[in-house]
Amino acid sequence: MLHKKSFVRTLVAASLLLATTGLTYAGPKSKVDFSQSVVGPLGNAASPASDITLTSAEVSTIKAKKLKAALVWHGAGNWVNALTRGAKDAFSKLGIEVVAETDAQYDPARQANDVENVLALNPDIILTLVLDGVSAEAAYKPAVDKGIKLVLLSNLISNYEPNKQYMGIVTDDMYGMGLAAAELIKDATNGKGNIGVVYHDASYFITNNRDNAFRTAILDKMEGFEGLNIANEKGFTKESETGTIVSTMLLQNPEINAIYVAWDSAAESVVEALRSNGRTDVKVVTHDLGANNLLDMALDGSMYGTVADRPYEIGQSMAKLGAYGILGKKAPEFSIVSFDKVTKNNIKTVWAESFKSDLPKTLKKVLNQ
């Protein structure tokens, strides 16, 4: 879900939000209690996004209202395109017209301006991923004051409460994704591996939970992971650091035969570093779908596998939560979508499930060879 341009701004926003709201959650290198379900940033229990449903009578009620919706996004790209398709398809079935789609280009100030422009179109529902939860409190207040139903993707707005200023949050199953990454590492090493861990060394809700779930599975020698050992681990705050980190790891611990990286675009430099060091025997596992790393995977390179969320499903779920708001129906406060483990053999299938679009031409050509 993370993208290169968004990293610095979303990191700063997340840190400010924690500082100003008193929200707490485990940061980097914390243990995960797998006996407990993942919780949201307010401590609210997670529920599956598949539980967000509308009856035929509720759909008819919504259709009769001839509503309008706006999509106020953080950025653009394959992931956002799939998110938009999911939302639009769900809105279409509800007879809701999408009157605006905006791309803030990962700029909180631009996003605030987008909100202002969208309000002139009088939408009844706004779906959004806010870039700066602190400044968003003021930016979205006119929408709240007008009674517009807000639905949030992943990030919280400071001092906003579910089923009040916004309906609910939809995001990833972070514990499940971290555990799935550990399973991919186990598969890549046949259950016996010395692992290098390149984790996100900053307080950021999504990445911390995924990284911590991965580390806990291995450090606690959970069933199936007894043969895995973390030989070296190092955090990063800039994606440009990851290649150098891995080169140093390999000098310190040449026995490393697999590496976990917090997300896809941060893993690109890791794959390049492995090539430069002549260590293409080392396998890499990460999160999210990126065409470059999938191409390396398809060519039997260093990238062994990744764990992908489902942006199309997120978009559909968010649209339905907007309808909940119109109906006055209590919404689940924190909903999580499913995920898929991706290896060379199922790239086509998972891309279709996650993005609901065709593969990039080059990737498709390689897979068809």
Foldseek 3Di string as FASTA:
>chain_A
DDDQQQQPLLQVQVVVLCVPFVFDDDFAPDADDPVAADAASNRAHADALVVLDDDPVLLVVQLVVQFEEEELEAADDLLVLLLVLLQVVLCVSSNYHYPYYDYQSNDQVSSLVVLVVVVVVPGQEYEYEHRHLEVVVVSCVVVLVVNREYEYERDHHRPDADPRSYPAYEYARQLVQLVVLLVLVCVLVVLAFAEEEEAARGGDPRLRSSSNSNVNCQVVVPPSNVRYHHNYYDYDSHLVCLLVVLLVVCVVPVRGQEYEHSADSSCVSVLVSCVVVVNQSRAYEYEADDQVLLLCQLVVTRHFKYKYFASSSRSNSRSSSSSCSVVVHRHRHYHHYYIDIDGNVCPQVRCCRRRVDGDPPVSVVSSVD
